[in-house]
Amino acid sequence: MKILIAGGRGFIGSKVAEKLCQEHRVTVMDSQEDYDVMSREELKKLYAWRERNWKNVSFITGDVRDKLNCLKAFSTRPDIVIHLATWPRAKVVNDDPAVGVPLIINGTVNLLWHCVKFRVKKFVYISSSMVYGDFVDGTKEDAKTKPMNLYGEAKLAGERLTKLISKKDGLNYIIIRPSGVYGPGDLPDRVVPKFFKKAMANEPITLHNGDNRVDFTYRQDAAYGIAQAALSDQSNISLNMTAGNAASLRTLAETIIDITGSKSELQDVGMHELYPQRGTLDISRARQLIGYNPEFTLRQGLESYYDWIRQHTG
């Protein structure tokens, strides 16, 4: 099977590539964006670690919004296209929507267009739990979508475009909605890395509503689930793909403090207007249809990430 992964050098995409390249021909397309949070040298080292177990992966440097770059990537005639090319979190899209929103929407349209022209068998679109907006425990894929930030709105637009083009041109798709993915190889400006950095320095950890709960998902679980979905015989469905067991931000911080032996104190400054009230997503559809089975508890995942931090910092 020939597989193209857009955003394949990213935090999740690189692990998807690692999984799939063991038995399939994988091409990775990536713009190598640093998001202004790492130096180019630091990013180079991070890429080297993410790609350490790749086997015969072809690489194309390019932006998914560029037709010539996509043409080069699709010249490999992929059977499956996995779309992970996006800015990695809501804040960076909100801070620069003129770049962040077109990257999500225009990039998705460009990939979809090429999928149709090159007769791709399946398009796997990685969306986000942010499409739900505020949601409660047990939320299923058919729940109302009411995003409350630009990132969620743009991701939802990508879902709708995927469905419209599927209906119009017969392109098979799977939409995946992950949540709070964390683990080794992450960028330093997301919530779990930030909490670890503060804890390891014994500095106060700031919570935006410590009672708000996130369905934190370990990187390997999310990546392996995406690979399963891509290779499955399922199509034209949406799947929640999380740990299926949300934890509060306070629990996250307290667990990190316990793991690191930190003396950090917690400072709750109240809800952040950018982020919705969340909980546990229902992952029964992914379990039943593709055999998705997340293996890592939150503590196991955090301990694994802490081991990685100590090996790769200092």
C-alpha atoms as a PDB file:
ATOM      1  CA  MET A   1       0.000   0.000   0.000  1.00  0.00           C
ATOM      2  CA  LYS A   2       1.266   3.481  -0.880  1.00  0.00           C
ATOM      3  CA  ILE A   3       0.474   6.107   1.736  1.00  0.00           C
ATOM      4  CA  LEU A   4       0.996   9.884   1.705  1.00  0.00           C
ATOM      5  CA  ILE A   5       1.093  11.658   5.073  1.00  0.00           C
ATOM      6  CA  ALA A   6       0.709  15.443   4.922  1.00  0.00           C
ATOM      7  CA  GLY A   7       2.316  16.862   8.049  1.00  0.00           C
ATOM      8  CA  GLY A   8       4.228  13.629   8.471  1.00  0.00           C
ATOM      9  CA  ARG A   9       7.186  15.112  10.342  1.00  0.00           C
ATOM     10  CA  GLY A  10       4.893  16.571  12.987  1.00  0.00           C
ATOM     11  CA  PHE A  11       4.281  15.401  16.533  1.00  0.00           C
ATOM     12  CA  ILE A  12       1.546  12.898  15.654  1.00  0.00           C
ATOM     13  CA  GLY A  13       2.311  12.428  11.953  1.00  0.00           C
ATOM     14  CA  SER A  14       5.844  11.195  12.560  1.00  0.00           C
ATOM     15  CA  LYS A  15       4.542   8.421  14.817  1.00  0.00           C
ATOM     16  CA  VAL A  16       1.908   7.480  12.223  1.00  0.00           C
ATOM     17  CA  ALA A  17       4.683   7.286   9.623  1.00  0.00           C
ATOM     18  CA  GLU A  18       6.807   5.145  11.959  1.00  0.00           C
ATOM     19  CA  LYS A  19       3.948   2.687  12.373  1.00  0.00           C
ATOM     20  CA  LEU A  20       2.938   2.484   8.713  1.00  0.00           C
ATOM     21  CA  CYS A  21       6.395   2.413   7.112  1.00  0.00           C
ATOM     22  CA  GLN A  22       7.134  -0.994   8.632  1.00  0.00           C
ATOM     23  CA  GLU A  23       4.892  -2.672   6.048  1.00  0.00           C
ATOM     24  CA  HIS A  24       3.900   0.010   3.535  1.00  0.00           C
ATOM     25  CA  ARG A  25       5.483   2.555   1.182  1.00  0.00           C
ATOM     26  CA  VAL A  26       5.199   5.905   2.931  1.00  0.00           C
ATOM     27  CA  THR A  27       5.758   9.385   1.538  1.00  0.00           C
ATOM     28  CA  VAL A  28       5.849  12.307   3.955  1.00  0.00           C
ATOM     29  CA  MET A  29       5.071  15.885   2.933  1.00  0.00           C
ATOM     30  CA  ASP A  30       5.858  18.600   5.472  1.00  0.00           C
ATOM     31  CA  SER A  31       6.622  22.322   5.491  1.00  0.00           C
ATOM     32  CA  GLN A  32       8.937  21.972   8.543  1.00  0.00           C
ATOM     33  CA  GLU A  33       7.255  24.869  10.349  1.00  0.00           C
ATOM     34  CA  ASP A  34       8.817  25.805  13.701  1.00  0.00           C
ATOM     35  CA  TYR A  35       5.826  27.887  14.919  1.00  0.00           C
ATOM     36  CA  ASP A  36       8.319  30.334  16.444  1.00  0.00           C
ATOM     37  CA  VAL A  37       8.733  28.160  19.531  1.00  0.00           C
ATOM     38  CA  MET A  38      12.041  26.432  18.707  1.00  0.00           C
ATOM     39  CA  SER A  39      15.291  27.301  16.995  1.00  0.00           C
ATOM     40  CA  ARG A  40      16.011  25.590  13.682  1.00  0.00           C
ATOM     41  CA  GLU A  41      18.787  23.617  15.349  1.00  0.00           C
ATOM     42  CA  GLU A  42      16.462  22.416  18.126  1.00  0.00           C
ATOM     43  CA  LEU A  43      13.839  21.509  15.547  1.00  0.00           C
ATOM     44  CA  LYS A  44      16.398  19.575  13.515  1.00  0.00           C
ATOM     45  CA  LYS A  45      17.256  17.468  16.583  1.00  0.00           C
ATOM     46  CA  LEU A  46      13.579  16.902  17.311  1.00  0.00           C
ATOM     47  CA  TYR A  47      12.947  15.715  13.751  1.00  0.00           C
ATOM     48  CA  ALA A  48      15.898  13.339  13.993  1.00  0.00           C
ATOM     49  CA  TRP A  49      14.422  11.771  17.136  1.00  0.00           C
ATOM     50  CA  ARG A  50      10.918  11.538  15.652  1.00  0.00           C
ATOM     51  CA  GLU A  51      12.275   9.809  12.548  1.00  0.00           C
ATOM     52  CA  ARG A  52      14.758   7.473  14.227  1.00  0.00           C
ATOM     53  CA  ASN A  53      12.711   4.334  13.463  1.00  0.00           C
ATOM     54  CA  TRP A  54      11.580   5.227   9.934  1.00  0.00           C
ATOM     55  CA  LYS A  55      12.310   2.725   7.162  1.00  0.00           C
ATOM     56  CA  ASN A  56      12.578   3.855   3.543  1.00  0.00           C
ATOM     57  CA  VAL A  57      10.280   6.848   3.955  1.00  0.00           C
ATOM     58  CA  SER A  58      10.334   9.300   1.049  1.00  0.00           C
ATOM     59  CA  PHE A  59      10.259  12.970   2.033  1.00  0.00           C
ATOM     60  CA  ILE A  60       8.969  16.041   0.217  1.00  0.00           C
ATOM     61  CA  THR A  61       9.418  19.529   1.646  1.00  0.00           C
ATOM     62  CA  GLY A  62       6.374  21.595   0.826  1.00  0.00           C
ATOM     63  CA  ASP A  63       3.241  23.414   1.916  1.00  0.00           C
ATOM     64  CA  VAL A  64      -0.146  21.720   1.386  1.00  0.00           C
ATOM     65  CA  ARG A  65      -1.523  25.000   0.012  1.00  0.00           C
ATOM     66  CA  ASP A  66       0.919  24.889  -2.919  1.00  0.00           C
ATOM     67  CA  LYS A  67      -0.385  22.976  -5.957  1.00  0.00           C
ATOM     68  CA  LEU A  68       3.059  22.227  -7.357  1.00  0.00           C
ATOM     69  CA  ASN A  69       4.200  20.734  -4.045  1.00  0.00           C
ATOM     70  CA  CYS A  70       1.065  18.626  -3.891  1.00  0.00           C
ATOM     71  CA  LEU A  71       1.513  17.533  -7.493  1.00  0.00           C
ATOM     72  CA  LYS A  72       4.999  16.286  -6.627  1.00  0.00           C
ATOM     73  CA  ALA A  73       3.681  14.448  -3.581  1.00  0.00           C
ATOM     74  CA  PHE A  74       0.791  12.866  -5.469  1.00  0.00           C
ATOM     75  CA  SER A  75       3.064  11.762  -8.300  1.00  0.00           C
ATOM     76  CA  THR A  76       3.810   8.791  -6.029  1.00  0.00           C
ATOM     77  CA  ARG A  77       0.201   7.685  -6.736  1.00  0.00           C
ATOM     78  CA  PRO A  78      -0.834   7.108  -3.115  1.00  0.00           C
ATOM     79  CA  ASP A  79      -3.673   4.745  -2.253  1.00  0.00           C
ATOM     80  CA  ILE A  80      -4.328   6.541   1.049  1.00  0.00           C
ATOM     81  CA  VAL A  81      -3.774  10.159   2.072  1.00  0.00           C
ATOM     82  CA  ILE A  82      -3.609  11.124   5.763  1.00  0.00           C
ATOM     83  CA  HIS A  83      -4.017  14.854   6.403  1.00  0.00           C
ATOM     84  CA  LEU A  84      -2.241  16.061   9.561  1.00  0.00           C
ATOM     85  CA  ALA A  85      -0.839  19.300   8.140  1.00  0.00           C
ATOM     86  CA  THR A  86      -2.056  22.087  10.396  1.00  0.00           C
ATOM     87  CA  TRP A  87      -0.997  24.452  13.120  1.00  0.00           C
ATOM     88  CA  PRO A  88      -0.927  22.355  16.266  1.00  0.00           C
ATOM     89  CA  ARG A  89      -3.159  24.263  18.666  1.00  0.00           C
ATOM     90  CA  ALA A  90      -5.942  26.796  18.920  1.00  0.00           C
ATOM     91  CA  LYS A  91      -3.899  29.697  20.285  1.00  0.00           C
ATOM     92  CA  VAL A  92      -1.529  30.020  17.343  1.00  0.00           C
ATOM     93  CA  VAL A  93      -4.460  30.016  14.902  1.00  0.00           C
ATOM     94  CA  ASN A  94      -6.294  32.593  17.006  1.00  0.00           C
ATOM     95  CA  ASP A  95      -3.196  34.796  17.212  1.00  0.00           C
ATOM     96  CA  ASP A  96      -2.601  34.745  13.442  1.00  0.00           C
ATOM     97  CA  PRO A  97      -5.879  33.732  11.752  1.00  0.00           C
ATOM     98  CA  ALA A  98      -4.857  35.215   8.390  1.00  0.00           C
ATOM     99  CA  VAL A  99      -2.287  32.419   8.133  1.00  0.00           C
ATOM    100  CA  GLY A 100      -3.698  29.732  10.402  1.00  0.00           C
ATOM    101  CA  VAL A 101      -7.231  29.519   8.993  1.00  0.00           C
ATOM    102  CA  PRO A 102      -6.197  29.322   5.288  1.00  0.00           C
ATOM    103  CA  LEU A 103      -3.617  26.677   6.167  1.00  0.00           C
ATOM    104  CA  ILE A 104      -6.394  24.469   7.522  1.00  0.00           C
ATOM    105  CA  ILE A 105      -9.085  25.234   4.944  1.00  0.00           C
ATOM    106  CA  ASN A 106      -7.099  25.903   1.761  1.00  0.00           C
ATOM    107  CA  GLY A 107      -4.682  23.090   2.500  1.00  0.00           C
ATOM    108  CA  THR A 108      -7.552  20.666   2.977  1.00  0.00           C
ATOM    109  CA  VAL A 109      -9.241  21.721  -0.267  1.00  0.00           C
ATOM    110  CA  ASN A 110      -5.984  21.377  -2.181  1.00  0.00           C
ATOM    111  CA  LEU A 111      -5.385  17.861  -0.851  1.00  0.00           C
ATOM    112  CA  LEU A 112      -8.976  16.841  -1.555  1.00  0.00           C
ATOM    113  CA  TRP A 113      -8.739  18.124  -5.129  1.00  0.00           C
ATOM    114  CA  HIS A 114      -5.599  16.091  -5.745  1.00  0.00           C
ATOM    115  CA  CYS A 115      -7.146  13.022  -4.113  1.00  0.00           C
ATOM    116  CA  VAL A 116      -9.995  13.159  -6.618  1.00  0.00           C
ATOM    117  CA  LYS A 117      -7.717  13.764  -9.614  1.00  0.00           C
ATOM    118  CA  PHE A 118      -5.346  10.958  -8.639  1.00  0.00           C
ATOM    119  CA  ARG A 119      -8.142   8.518  -7.702  1.00  0.00           C
ATOM    120  CA  VAL A 120      -7.033   8.066  -4.102  1.00  0.00           C
ATOM    121  CA  LYS A 121      -8.877   5.234  -2.352  1.00  0.00           C
ATOM    122  CA  LYS A 122      -9.245   6.916   1.035  1.00  0.00           C
ATOM    123  CA  PHE A 123      -8.708  10.366   2.582  1.00  0.00           C
ATOM    124  CA  VAL A 124      -8.140  10.469   6.351  1.00  0.00           C
ATOM    125  CA  TYR A 125      -8.823  13.926   7.765  1.00  0.00           C
ATOM    126  CA  ILE A 126      -7.534  14.635  11.268  1.00  0.00           C
ATOM    127  CA  SER A 127      -9.960  17.077  12.803  1.00  0.00           C
ATOM    128  CA  SER A 128     -10.274  17.992  16.503  1.00  0.00           C
ATOM    129  CA  SER A 129     -12.527  17.678  19.531  1.00  0.00           C
ATOM    130  CA  MET A 130     -12.663  21.485  19.347  1.00  0.00           C
ATOM    131  CA  VAL A 131     -15.409  21.147  16.700  1.00  0.00           C
ATOM    132  CA  TYR A 132     -17.875  20.295  19.507  1.00  0.00           C
ATOM    133  CA  GLY A 133     -17.309  23.496  21.483  1.00  0.00           C
ATOM    134  CA  ASP A 134     -18.595  22.933  25.025  1.00  0.00           C
ATOM    135  CA  PHE A 135     -19.467  19.274  25.528  1.00  0.00           C
ATOM    136  CA  VAL A 136     -20.287  16.791  28.289  1.00  0.00           C
ATOM    137  CA  ASP A 137     -19.165  13.273  29.118  1.00  0.00           C
ATOM    138  CA  GLY A 138     -20.314  10.623  26.667  1.00  0.00           C
ATOM    139  CA  THR A 139     -20.421  12.917  23.645  1.00  0.00           C
ATOM    140  CA  LYS A 140     -20.765  10.924  20.433  1.00  0.00           C
ATOM    141  CA  GLU A 141     -19.834  11.768  16.858  1.00  0.00           C
ATOM    142  CA  ASP A 142     -23.379  12.806  15.932  1.00  0.00           C
ATOM    143  CA  ALA A 143     -23.525  15.492  18.638  1.00  0.00           C
ATOM    144  CA  LYS A 144     -24.073  19.107  17.631  1.00  0.00           C
ATOM    145  CA  THR A 145     -20.941  20.943  16.530  1.00  0.00           C
ATOM    146  CA  LYS A 146     -20.639  24.470  17.881  1.00  0.00           C
ATOM    147  CA  PRO A 147     -16.988  25.586  17.872  1.00  0.00           C
ATOM    148  CA  MET A 148     -16.072  28.523  20.074  1.00  0.00           C
ATOM    149  CA  ASN A 149     -12.673  29.366  18.570  1.00  0.00           C
ATOM    150  CA  LEU A 150     -11.227  29.867  15.081  1.00  0.00           C
ATOM    151  CA  TYR A 151      -9.269  26.631  15.202  1.00  0.00           C
ATOM    152  CA  GLY A 152     -12.385  24.556  15.867  1.00  0.00           C
ATOM    153  CA  GLU A 153     -14.370  26.450  13.243  1.00  0.00           C
ATOM    154  CA  ALA A 154     -11.686  25.935  10.608  1.00  0.00           C
ATOM    155  CA  LYS A 155     -11.367  22.240  11.469  1.00  0.00           C
ATOM    156  CA  LEU A 156     -15.137  21.859  11.173  1.00  0.00           C
ATOM    157  CA  ALA A 157     -15.065  23.590   7.784  1.00  0.00           C
ATOM    158  CA  GLY A 158     -12.473  21.013   6.723  1.00  0.00           C
ATOM    159  CA  GLU A 159     -14.821  18.235   7.801  1.00  0.00           C
ATOM    160  CA  ARG A 160     -17.692  19.719   5.817  1.00  0.00           C
ATOM    161  CA  LEU A 161     -15.567  20.177   2.719  1.00  0.00           C
ATOM    162  CA  THR A 162     -14.390  16.569   3.016  1.00  0.00           C
ATOM    163  CA  LYS A 163     -17.989  15.336   3.154  1.00  0.00           C
ATOM    164  CA  LEU A 164     -19.138  17.563   0.281  1.00  0.00           C
ATOM    165  CA  ILE A 165     -16.338  16.469  -2.031  1.00  0.00           C
ATOM    166  CA  SER A 166     -16.910  12.848  -1.010  1.00  0.00           C
ATOM    167  CA  LYS A 167     -20.568  13.159  -2.008  1.00  0.00           C
ATOM    168  CA  LYS A 168     -19.753  15.021  -5.219  1.00  0.00           C
ATOM    169  CA  ASP A 169     -16.815  12.935  -6.443  1.00  0.00           C
ATOM    170  CA  GLY A 170     -17.101   9.600  -4.641  1.00  0.00           C
ATOM    171  CA  LEU A 171     -13.963  10.002  -2.517  1.00  0.00           C
ATOM    172  CA  ASN A 172     -13.953   7.690   0.509  1.00  0.00           C
ATOM    173  CA  TYR A 173     -12.984   9.373   3.773  1.00  0.00           C
ATOM    174  CA  ILE A 174     -12.616   8.945   7.511  1.00  0.00           C
ATOM    175  CA  ILE A 175     -12.751  11.955   9.843  1.00  0.00           C
ATOM    176  CA  ILE A 176     -10.901  11.560  13.152  1.00  0.00           C
ATOM    177  CA  ARG A 177     -11.423  13.779  16.190  1.00  0.00           C
ATOM    178  CA  PRO A 178      -8.549  13.496  18.706  1.00  0.00           C
ATOM    179  CA  SER A 179      -8.208  15.414  21.967  1.00  0.00           C
ATOM    180  CA  GLY A 180      -5.317  16.646  24.091  1.00  0.00           C
ATOM    181  CA  VAL A 181      -2.614  14.517  22.482  1.00  0.00           C
ATOM    182  CA  TYR A 182       0.633  14.549  24.470  1.00  0.00           C
ATOM    183  CA  GLY A 183       3.813  12.546  24.835  1.00  0.00           C
ATOM    184  CA  PRO A 184       7.451  12.227  23.704  1.00  0.00           C
ATOM    185  CA  GLY A 185       8.447  14.432  20.791  1.00  0.00           C
ATOM    186  CA  ASP A 186       5.989  17.234  21.568  1.00  0.00           C
ATOM    187  CA  LEU A 187       6.637  20.932  21.042  1.00  0.00           C
ATOM    188  CA  PRO A 188       7.420  22.861  24.247  1.00  0.00           C
ATOM    189  CA  ASP A 189       4.531  25.351  24.128  1.00  0.00           C
ATOM    190  CA  ARG A 190       1.570  23.053  24.804  1.00  0.00           C
ATOM    191  CA  VAL A 191      -0.117  22.411  28.128  1.00  0.00           C
ATOM    192  CA  VAL A 192       1.580  19.163  29.234  1.00  0.00           C
ATOM    193  CA  PRO A 193       5.125  20.310  28.342  1.00  0.00           C
ATOM    194  CA  LYS A 194       4.446  23.666  30.016  1.00  0.00           C
ATOM    195  CA  PHE A 195       3.255  22.012  33.226  1.00  0.00           C
ATOM    196  CA  PHE A 196       6.317  19.747  33.293  1.00  0.00           C
ATOM    197  CA  LYS A 197       8.671  22.671  32.748  1.00  0.00           C
ATOM    198  CA  LYS A 198       7.123  24.593  35.637  1.00  0.00           C
ATOM    199  CA  ALA A 199       7.065  21.544  37.904  1.00  0.00           C
ATOM    200  CA  MET A 200      10.691  20.651  37.228  1.00  0.00           C
ATOM    201  CA  ALA A 201      11.680  24.218  38.114  1.00  0.00           C
ATOM    202  CA  ASN A 202       9.446  24.241  41.227  1.00  0.00           C
ATOM    203  CA  GLU A 203       7.610  27.246  39.801  1.00  0.00           C
ATOM    204  CA  PRO A 204       3.871  27.968  40.183  1.00  0.00           C
ATOM    205  CA  ILE A 205       1.638  26.237  37.632  1.00  0.00           C
ATOM    206  CA  THR A 206      -1.165  28.385  36.247  1.00  0.00           C
ATOM    207  CA  LEU A 207      -4.514  26.694  35.627  1.00  0.00           C
ATOM    208  CA  HIS A 208      -7.263  28.096  33.428  1.00  0.00           C
ATOM    209  CA  ASN A 209     -10.154  26.643  35.417  1.00  0.00           C
ATOM    210  CA  GLY A 210      -8.654  23.636  37.162  1.00  0.00           C
ATOM    211  CA  ASP A 211     -12.009  21.856  37.080  1.00  0.00           C
ATOM    212  CA  ASN A 212     -12.161  21.851  33.270  1.00  0.00           C
ATOM    213  CA  ARG A 213     -11.536  18.340  32.000  1.00  0.00           C
ATOM    214  CA  VAL A 214      -9.667  17.221  28.881  1.00  0.00           C
ATOM    215  CA  ASP A 215      -9.635  13.760  27.309  1.00  0.00           C
ATOM    216  CA  PHE A 216      -5.822  13.633  27.251  1.00  0.00           C
ATOM    217  CA  THR A 217      -4.543  11.025  24.792  1.00  0.00           C
ATOM    218  CA  TYR A 218      -1.048   9.549  24.641  1.00  0.00           C
ATOM    219  CA  ARG A 219       0.734  10.109  21.327  1.00  0.00           C
ATOM    220  CA  GLN A 220       1.205   6.430  20.512  1.00  0.00           C
ATOM    221  CA  ASP A 221      -2.464   5.630  21.109  1.00  0.00           C
ATOM    222  CA  ALA A 222      -3.611   8.443  18.816  1.00  0.00           C
ATOM    223  CA  ALA A 223      -1.073   7.624  16.091  1.00  0.00           C
ATOM    224  CA  TYR A 224      -1.744   3.894  16.082  1.00  0.00           C
ATOM    225  CA  GLY A 225      -5.477   4.593  15.966  1.00  0.00           C
ATOM    226  CA  ILE A 226      -5.032   6.823  12.928  1.00  0.00           C
ATOM    227  CA  ALA A 227      -3.003   4.097  11.226  1.00  0.00           C
ATOM    228  CA  GLN A 228      -5.722   1.551  12.029  1.00  0.00           C
ATOM    229  CA  ALA A 229      -8.391   3.820  10.572  1.00  0.00           C
ATOM    230  CA  ALA A 230      -6.376   4.399   7.406  1.00  0.00           C
ATOM    231  CA  LEU A 231      -5.881   0.687   6.777  1.00  0.00           C
ATOM    232  CA  SER A 232      -9.373  -0.395   7.811  1.00  0.00           C
ATOM    233  CA  ASP A 233     -12.159  -1.247   5.395  1.00  0.00           C
ATOM    234  CA  GLN A 234     -14.324   1.451   6.985  1.00  0.00           C
ATOM    235  CA  SER A 235     -15.106   4.700   5.171  1.00  0.00           C
ATOM    236  CA  ASN A 236     -17.375   7.745   5.182  1.00  0.00           C
ATOM    237  CA  ILE A 237     -17.558   7.948   8.973  1.00  0.00           C
ATOM    238  CA  SER A 238     -16.386  10.219  11.787  1.00  0.00           C
ATOM    239  CA  LEU A 239     -14.558   8.762  14.795  1.00  0.00           C
ATOM    240  CA  ASN A 240     -13.731  10.156  18.212  1.00  0.00           C
ATOM    241  CA  MET A 241     -10.194   8.967  18.943  1.00  0.00           C
ATOM    242  CA  THR A 242      -9.131   9.734  22.504  1.00  0.00           C
ATOM    243  CA  ALA A 243      -8.247   7.971  25.755  1.00  0.00           C
ATOM    244  CA  GLY A 244     -11.941   7.912  26.619  1.00  0.00           C
ATOM    245  CA  ASN A 245     -11.226   9.076  30.180  1.00  0.00           C
ATOM    246  CA  ALA A 246     -10.973  12.813  30.731  1.00  0.00           C
ATOM    247  CA  ALA A 247      -9.018  14.330  33.630  1.00  0.00           C
ATOM    248  CA  SER A 248      -9.244  17.819  35.074  1.00  0.00           C
ATOM    249  CA  LEU A 249      -6.434  20.280  34.555  1.00  0.00           C
ATOM    250  CA  ARG A 250      -5.939  20.208  38.327  1.00  0.00           C
ATOM    251  CA  THR A 251      -5.531  16.424  38.264  1.00  0.00           C
ATOM    252  CA  LEU A 252      -3.086  16.755  35.371  1.00  0.00           C
ATOM    253  CA  ALA A 253      -0.979  19.290  37.284  1.00  0.00           C
ATOM    254  CA  GLU A 254      -1.114  17.333  40.553  1.00  0.00           C
ATOM    255  CA  THR A 255      -0.061  14.128  38.789  1.00  0.00           C
ATOM    256  CA  ILE A 256       2.872  15.909  37.150  1.00  0.00           C
ATOM    257  CA  ILE A 257       3.890  17.414  40.500  1.00  0.00           C
ATOM    258  CA  ASP A 258       3.783  13.934  42.069  1.00  0.00           C
ATOM    259  CA  ILE A 259       5.779  12.312  39.262  1.00  0.00           C
ATOM    260  CA  THR A 260       8.496  14.985  39.346  1.00  0.00           C
ATOM    261  CA  GLY A 261       8.577  15.389  43.126  1.00  0.00           C
ATOM    262  CA  SER A 262       7.969  19.084  42.577  1.00  0.00           C
ATOM    263  CA  LYS A 263       7.179  21.759  45.146  1.00  0.00           C
ATOM    264  CA  SER A 264       5.175  23.786  42.646  1.00  0.00           C
ATOM    265  CA  GLU A 265       1.959  25.445  43.804  1.00  0.00           C
ATOM    266  CA  LEU A 266      -1.189  25.728  41.701  1.00  0.00           C
ATOM    267  CA  GLN A 267      -2.691  29.067  40.743  1.00  0.00           C
ATOM    268  CA  ASP A 268      -6.191  28.915  39.246  1.00  0.00           C
ATOM    269  CA  VAL A 269      -6.941  32.066  37.246  1.00  0.00           C
ATOM    270  CA  GLY A 270     -10.323  30.980  35.904  1.00  0.00           C
ATOM    271  CA  MET A 271     -11.646  29.936  32.522  1.00  0.00           C
ATOM    272  CA  HIS A 272      -9.777  30.951  29.368  1.00  0.00           C
ATOM    273  CA  GLU A 273     -12.148  32.433  26.778  1.00  0.00           C
ATOM    274  CA  LEU A 274     -10.430  30.513  23.987  1.00  0.00           C
ATOM    275  CA  TYR A 275     -11.151  27.036  25.310  1.00  0.00           C
ATOM    276  CA  PRO A 276     -14.474  25.227  25.778  1.00  0.00           C
ATOM    277  CA  GLN A 277     -15.755  23.206  28.723  1.00  0.00           C
ATOM    278  CA  ARG A 278     -14.889  19.629  27.888  1.00  0.00           C
ATOM    279  CA  GLY A 279     -15.120  16.081  29.183  1.00  0.00           C
ATOM    280  CA  THR A 280     -14.850  12.453  28.060  1.00  0.00           C
ATOM    281  CA  LEU A 281     -15.667  11.640  24.458  1.00  0.00           C
ATOM    282  CA  ASP A 282     -17.461   8.399  23.587  1.00  0.00           C
ATOM    283  CA  ILE A 283     -14.968   6.216  21.667  1.00  0.00           C
ATOM    284  CA  SER A 284     -17.185   3.140  21.314  1.00  0.00           C
ATOM    285  CA  ARG A 285     -17.594   3.613  17.553  1.00  0.00           C
ATOM    286  CA  ALA A 286     -13.823   3.552  16.986  1.00  0.00           C
ATOM    287  CA  ARG A 287     -13.519   0.490  19.237  1.00  0.00           C
ATOM    288  CA  GLN A 288     -16.244  -1.391  17.372  1.00  0.00           C
ATOM    289  CA  LEU A 289     -15.473  -0.417  13.780  1.00  0.00           C
ATOM    290  CA  ILE A 290     -11.672  -0.365  13.616  1.00  0.00           C
ATOM    291  CA  GLY A 291     -10.584  -2.114  16.811  1.00  0.00           C
ATOM    292  CA  TYR A 292      -9.176   1.049  18.393  1.00  0.00           C
ATOM    293  CA  ASN A 293      -7.887   0.280  21.895  1.00  0.00           C
ATOM    294  CA  PRO A 294      -5.955   3.004  23.755  1.00  0.00           C
ATOM    295  CA  GLU A 295      -3.402   1.401  26.071  1.00  0.00           C
ATOM    296  CA  PHE A 296      -1.961   4.220  28.172  1.00  0.00           C
ATOM    297  CA  THR A 297      -3.532   5.640  31.310  1.00  0.00           C
ATOM    298  CA  LEU A 298      -2.822   9.313  31.970  1.00  0.00           C
ATOM    299  CA  ARG A 299      -0.218   8.515  34.618  1.00  0.00           C
ATOM    300  CA  GLN A 300       1.529   5.942  32.416  1.00  0.00           C
ATOM    301  CA  GLY A 301       1.675   8.426  29.568  1.00  0.00           C
ATOM    302  CA  LEU A 302       2.959  11.224  31.768  1.00  0.00           C
ATOM    303  CA  GLU A 303       5.644   8.995  33.294  1.00  0.00           C
ATOM    304  CA  SER A 304       6.763   7.983  29.802  1.00  0.00           C
ATOM    305  CA  TYR A 305       6.908  11.620  28.738  1.00  0.00           C
ATOM    306  CA  TYR A 306       8.879  12.555  31.867  1.00  0.00           C
ATOM    307  CA  ASP A 307      11.449   9.863  31.073  1.00  0.00           C
ATOM    308  CA  TRP A 308      11.782  11.314  27.585  1.00  0.00           C
ATOM    309  CA  ILE A 309      12.218  14.867  28.892  1.00  0.00           C
ATOM    310  CA  ARG A 310      15.025  13.836  31.216  1.00  0.00           C
ATOM    311  CA  GLN A 311      16.801  12.034  28.376  1.00  0.00           C
ATOM    312  CA  HIS A 312      16.511  14.920  25.909  1.00  0.00           C
ATOM    313  CA  THR A 313      16.987  18.051  27.995  1.00  0.00           C
ATOM    314  CA  GLY A 314      19.666  19.438  30.221  1.00  0.00           C
END
